[in-house]
N, C-alpha and C. Protein backbone atom coordinates (compact mmCIF):
# COMPACT_ATOMS: atom_id res chain seq x y z
N MET A 1 -7.25 -12.95 -13.39
CA MET A 1 -6.70 -13.67 -12.26
C MET A 1 -6.51 -12.69 -11.11
N GLU A 2 -6.89 -13.09 -9.94
CA GLU A 2 -6.76 -12.27 -8.74
C GLU A 2 -5.36 -12.47 -8.16
N HIS A 3 -4.60 -11.39 -8.05
CA HIS A 3 -3.21 -11.47 -7.59
C HIS A 3 -3.06 -11.19 -6.11
N SER A 4 -3.91 -10.36 -5.56
CA SER A 4 -3.72 -9.91 -4.20
C SER A 4 -5.05 -9.86 -3.48
N LYS A 5 -5.06 -10.24 -2.24
CA LYS A 5 -6.27 -10.16 -1.44
C LYS A 5 -6.03 -9.24 -0.26
N CYS A 6 -7.05 -8.52 0.07
CA CYS A 6 -7.00 -7.67 1.25
C CYS A 6 -7.33 -8.53 2.46
N ARG A 7 -6.48 -8.52 3.45
CA ARG A 7 -6.70 -9.31 4.66
C ARG A 7 -7.06 -8.36 5.80
N VAL A 8 -7.95 -8.79 6.62
CA VAL A 8 -8.34 -8.00 7.78
C VAL A 8 -7.67 -8.60 9.01
N GLY A 9 -6.91 -7.78 9.70
CA GLY A 9 -6.19 -8.25 10.87
C GLY A 9 -6.88 -7.80 12.15
N PRO A 10 -6.17 -7.90 13.26
CA PRO A 10 -6.74 -7.52 14.56
C PRO A 10 -6.74 -6.01 14.73
N TYR A 11 -7.52 -5.32 13.93
CA TYR A 11 -7.58 -3.87 13.94
C TYR A 11 -9.02 -3.46 14.14
N ASN A 12 -9.29 -2.58 15.06
CA ASN A 12 -10.66 -2.22 15.40
C ASN A 12 -11.15 -0.97 14.68
N GLY A 13 -10.31 -0.35 13.84
CA GLY A 13 -10.71 0.85 13.11
C GLY A 13 -11.40 0.50 11.81
N LEU A 14 -11.58 1.51 10.99
CA LEU A 14 -12.20 1.30 9.69
C LEU A 14 -11.24 0.58 8.76
N VAL A 15 -11.73 -0.41 8.07
CA VAL A 15 -10.91 -1.18 7.13
C VAL A 15 -11.52 -1.01 5.75
N ALA A 16 -10.71 -0.57 4.80
CA ALA A 16 -11.16 -0.41 3.42
C ALA A 16 -10.93 -1.72 2.68
N LEU A 17 -11.93 -2.18 1.97
CA LEU A 17 -11.80 -3.42 1.22
C LEU A 17 -11.54 -3.11 -0.24
N TRP A 18 -10.35 -3.42 -0.70
CA TRP A 18 -9.97 -3.24 -2.10
C TRP A 18 -9.86 -4.62 -2.70
N HIS A 19 -10.94 -5.31 -2.80
CA HIS A 19 -10.78 -6.68 -3.18
C HIS A 19 -11.98 -7.09 -4.00
N PRO A 20 -11.83 -7.76 -5.13
CA PRO A 20 -10.55 -8.24 -5.63
C PRO A 20 -9.70 -7.10 -6.18
N PHE A 21 -8.43 -7.27 -6.09
CA PHE A 21 -7.48 -6.24 -6.50
C PHE A 21 -6.48 -6.84 -7.47
N ASP A 22 -6.42 -6.31 -8.67
CA ASP A 22 -5.47 -6.74 -9.69
C ASP A 22 -4.47 -5.61 -9.90
N PRO A 23 -3.24 -5.74 -9.38
CA PRO A 23 -2.27 -4.65 -9.47
C PRO A 23 -1.90 -4.26 -10.89
N SER A 24 -2.09 -5.15 -11.84
CA SER A 24 -1.74 -4.82 -13.23
C SER A 24 -2.73 -3.84 -13.86
N LYS A 25 -3.87 -3.63 -13.22
CA LYS A 25 -4.88 -2.73 -13.75
C LYS A 25 -4.88 -1.38 -13.07
N ARG A 26 -3.80 -1.05 -12.40
CA ARG A 26 -3.65 0.22 -11.69
C ARG A 26 -2.55 1.06 -12.30
N GLU A 27 -2.66 2.36 -12.09
CA GLU A 27 -1.58 3.29 -12.43
C GLU A 27 -0.96 3.71 -11.10
N TYR A 28 0.37 3.77 -11.08
CA TYR A 28 1.08 4.06 -9.84
C TYR A 28 1.91 5.32 -9.97
N GLU A 29 2.02 6.04 -8.88
CA GLU A 29 2.90 7.19 -8.78
C GLU A 29 3.56 7.09 -7.42
N PHE A 30 4.89 7.22 -7.37
CA PHE A 30 5.64 7.07 -6.13
C PHE A 30 6.39 8.36 -5.82
N ASN A 31 6.33 8.81 -4.58
CA ASN A 31 7.13 9.94 -4.13
C ASN A 31 8.49 9.38 -3.70
N GLU A 32 9.39 9.31 -4.68
CA GLU A 32 10.70 8.69 -4.45
C GLU A 32 11.48 9.35 -3.33
N GLU A 33 11.39 10.67 -3.24
CA GLU A 33 12.14 11.39 -2.21
C GLU A 33 11.69 11.00 -0.80
N LYS A 34 10.38 10.98 -0.59
CA LYS A 34 9.86 10.63 0.74
C LYS A 34 10.16 9.18 1.09
N LEU A 35 10.03 8.28 0.12
CA LEU A 35 10.35 6.87 0.37
C LEU A 35 11.82 6.72 0.75
N ALA A 36 12.69 7.39 0.00
CA ALA A 36 14.14 7.32 0.26
C ALA A 36 14.50 7.85 1.64
N GLU A 37 13.78 8.86 2.12
CA GLU A 37 14.03 9.41 3.46
C GLU A 37 13.86 8.35 4.54
N HIS A 38 13.04 7.35 4.26
CA HIS A 38 12.77 6.27 5.21
C HIS A 38 13.45 4.97 4.82
N GLY A 39 14.36 5.03 3.85
CA GLY A 39 15.11 3.84 3.46
C GLY A 39 14.32 2.83 2.66
N VAL A 40 13.30 3.29 1.93
CA VAL A 40 12.48 2.40 1.12
C VAL A 40 12.70 2.71 -0.36
N ALA A 41 13.02 1.70 -1.14
CA ALA A 41 13.19 1.87 -2.58
C ALA A 41 11.83 1.76 -3.27
N VAL A 42 11.70 2.43 -4.42
CA VAL A 42 10.44 2.40 -5.16
C VAL A 42 10.04 0.97 -5.52
N HIS A 43 11.01 0.15 -5.93
CA HIS A 43 10.66 -1.22 -6.31
C HIS A 43 10.11 -2.01 -5.11
N GLU A 44 10.59 -1.70 -3.90
CA GLU A 44 10.07 -2.38 -2.71
C GLU A 44 8.61 -1.97 -2.46
N ALA A 45 8.32 -0.68 -2.61
CA ALA A 45 6.95 -0.21 -2.42
C ALA A 45 6.02 -0.86 -3.44
N ALA A 46 6.47 -1.00 -4.67
CA ALA A 46 5.66 -1.63 -5.72
C ALA A 46 5.41 -3.10 -5.41
N GLU A 47 6.40 -3.78 -4.86
CA GLU A 47 6.25 -5.21 -4.56
C GLU A 47 5.13 -5.49 -3.57
N VAL A 48 4.88 -4.55 -2.66
CA VAL A 48 3.83 -4.72 -1.65
C VAL A 48 2.48 -4.99 -2.33
N PHE A 49 2.20 -4.30 -3.43
CA PHE A 49 0.91 -4.44 -4.11
C PHE A 49 0.76 -5.80 -4.79
N TRP A 50 1.87 -6.45 -5.09
CA TRP A 50 1.83 -7.76 -5.76
C TRP A 50 1.88 -8.92 -4.77
N ASN A 51 2.30 -8.66 -3.54
CA ASN A 51 2.52 -9.74 -2.58
C ASN A 51 1.42 -9.92 -1.55
N GLY A 52 0.34 -9.23 -1.69
CA GLY A 52 -0.72 -9.31 -0.68
C GLY A 52 -0.51 -8.23 0.37
N PHE A 53 -1.59 -7.66 0.84
CA PHE A 53 -1.48 -6.54 1.76
C PHE A 53 -2.75 -6.37 2.56
N GLU A 54 -2.66 -5.53 3.56
CA GLU A 54 -3.79 -5.15 4.41
C GLU A 54 -3.99 -3.65 4.23
N VAL A 55 -5.23 -3.20 4.16
CA VAL A 55 -5.53 -1.78 3.95
C VAL A 55 -6.33 -1.25 5.13
N ARG A 56 -5.94 -0.08 5.60
CA ARG A 56 -6.68 0.63 6.66
C ARG A 56 -6.87 2.07 6.23
N ARG A 57 -8.00 2.63 6.59
CA ARG A 57 -8.21 4.06 6.31
C ARG A 57 -7.26 4.88 7.17
N ASP A 58 -6.75 5.95 6.60
CA ASP A 58 -5.91 6.86 7.35
C ASP A 58 -6.81 7.69 8.26
N LYS A 59 -6.45 7.82 9.52
CA LYS A 59 -7.28 8.55 10.49
C LYS A 59 -7.30 10.05 10.24
N SER A 60 -6.23 10.57 9.65
CA SER A 60 -6.11 12.01 9.47
C SER A 60 -6.71 12.52 8.16
N TYR A 61 -6.62 11.71 7.10
CA TYR A 61 -7.07 12.13 5.78
C TYR A 61 -8.00 11.08 5.19
N LYS A 62 -9.23 11.46 4.87
CA LYS A 62 -10.21 10.49 4.38
C LYS A 62 -9.89 9.92 3.00
N SER A 63 -9.08 10.62 2.21
CA SER A 63 -8.74 10.13 0.87
C SER A 63 -7.45 9.30 0.87
N ARG A 64 -6.88 9.07 2.04
CA ARG A 64 -5.63 8.31 2.14
C ARG A 64 -5.85 7.00 2.88
N TYR A 65 -4.98 6.06 2.56
CA TYR A 65 -5.05 4.73 3.17
C TYR A 65 -3.68 4.31 3.64
N GLN A 66 -3.65 3.46 4.65
CA GLN A 66 -2.43 2.82 5.11
C GLN A 66 -2.42 1.42 4.51
N VAL A 67 -1.37 1.11 3.78
CA VAL A 67 -1.24 -0.20 3.15
C VAL A 67 -0.06 -0.91 3.82
N LEU A 68 -0.31 -2.07 4.41
CA LEU A 68 0.73 -2.84 5.08
C LEU A 68 0.96 -4.13 4.31
N GLY A 69 2.22 -4.39 3.97
CA GLY A 69 2.53 -5.60 3.22
C GLY A 69 4.02 -5.89 3.22
N ARG A 70 4.39 -6.93 2.47
CA ARG A 70 5.78 -7.39 2.44
C ARG A 70 6.39 -7.24 1.06
N THR A 71 7.69 -7.01 1.06
CA THR A 71 8.45 -6.98 -0.18
C THR A 71 8.82 -8.42 -0.56
N ASP A 72 9.41 -8.58 -1.73
CA ASP A 72 9.87 -9.91 -2.15
C ASP A 72 10.90 -10.48 -1.18
N ALA A 73 11.68 -9.60 -0.54
CA ALA A 73 12.70 -10.03 0.41
C ALA A 73 12.14 -10.30 1.80
N GLY A 74 10.82 -10.08 1.98
CA GLY A 74 10.20 -10.35 3.28
C GLY A 74 10.16 -9.16 4.21
N ARG A 75 10.59 -8.02 3.75
CA ARG A 75 10.58 -6.81 4.57
C ARG A 75 9.14 -6.28 4.69
N THR A 76 8.68 -5.97 5.89
CA THR A 76 7.33 -5.45 6.08
C THR A 76 7.36 -3.93 5.97
N LEU A 77 6.48 -3.40 5.12
CA LEU A 77 6.40 -1.95 4.91
C LEU A 77 5.01 -1.44 5.22
N LYS A 78 4.97 -0.18 5.63
CA LYS A 78 3.71 0.55 5.77
C LYS A 78 3.78 1.69 4.76
N LEU A 79 2.82 1.74 3.85
CA LEU A 79 2.77 2.78 2.84
C LEU A 79 1.55 3.66 3.09
N ILE A 80 1.70 4.96 2.84
CA ILE A 80 0.57 5.87 2.88
C ILE A 80 0.22 6.17 1.42
N VAL A 81 -1.03 5.85 1.06
CA VAL A 81 -1.44 5.86 -0.33
C VAL A 81 -2.70 6.71 -0.52
N HIS A 82 -2.69 7.51 -1.56
CA HIS A 82 -3.88 8.24 -1.98
C HIS A 82 -4.47 7.49 -3.16
N ARG A 83 -5.75 7.16 -3.08
CA ARG A 83 -6.40 6.41 -4.16
C ARG A 83 -7.41 7.30 -4.86
N ALA A 84 -7.27 7.39 -6.18
CA ALA A 84 -8.20 8.16 -7.01
C ALA A 84 -8.53 7.31 -8.23
N GLY A 85 -9.62 6.59 -8.17
CA GLY A 85 -9.99 5.71 -9.28
C GLY A 85 -8.95 4.61 -9.45
N ARG A 86 -8.40 4.49 -10.65
CA ARG A 86 -7.38 3.48 -10.95
C ARG A 86 -5.99 3.90 -10.48
N ARG A 87 -5.81 5.16 -10.16
CA ARG A 87 -4.49 5.69 -9.81
C ARG A 87 -4.23 5.57 -8.32
N LEU A 88 -3.05 5.03 -7.99
CA LEU A 88 -2.58 4.96 -6.61
C LEU A 88 -1.31 5.79 -6.49
N ARG A 89 -1.34 6.77 -5.61
CA ARG A 89 -0.17 7.62 -5.38
C ARG A 89 0.41 7.26 -4.02
N VAL A 90 1.62 6.70 -4.04
CA VAL A 90 2.30 6.34 -2.80
C VAL A 90 3.00 7.60 -2.30
N ILE A 91 2.48 8.15 -1.22
CA ILE A 91 2.97 9.42 -0.68
C ILE A 91 4.26 9.22 0.11
N THR A 92 4.29 8.20 0.95
CA THR A 92 5.48 7.87 1.73
C THR A 92 5.36 6.44 2.23
N GLY A 93 6.38 5.98 2.89
CA GLY A 93 6.35 4.63 3.45
C GLY A 93 7.59 4.40 4.29
N TRP A 94 7.51 3.39 5.15
CA TRP A 94 8.64 3.07 6.01
C TRP A 94 8.56 1.62 6.44
N PRO A 95 9.69 1.06 6.85
CA PRO A 95 9.69 -0.34 7.34
C PRO A 95 9.07 -0.44 8.72
N LEU A 96 8.46 -1.56 9.01
CA LEU A 96 7.90 -1.81 10.34
C LEU A 96 8.77 -2.82 11.07
């Protein structure tokens, strides 16, 4: 079952398509310290992957992506993620 779809918004840069995306088939690693510095809890960052999101390539680092999505409470977050195969490492994130 497909849980999340990548949506393309009004963005003129490179858009990475991670779709279909099943969050249950991924391994996650979260930088709790960096998330906490921006007032984001690990569970909120994890919720973004289950609630649908938009992905953009990071302009500075080719192996990183910007993931924009919502938490269960409706809070919009921007996460910086490194993707290596099945593993997603959430480097940092902040509310928008």
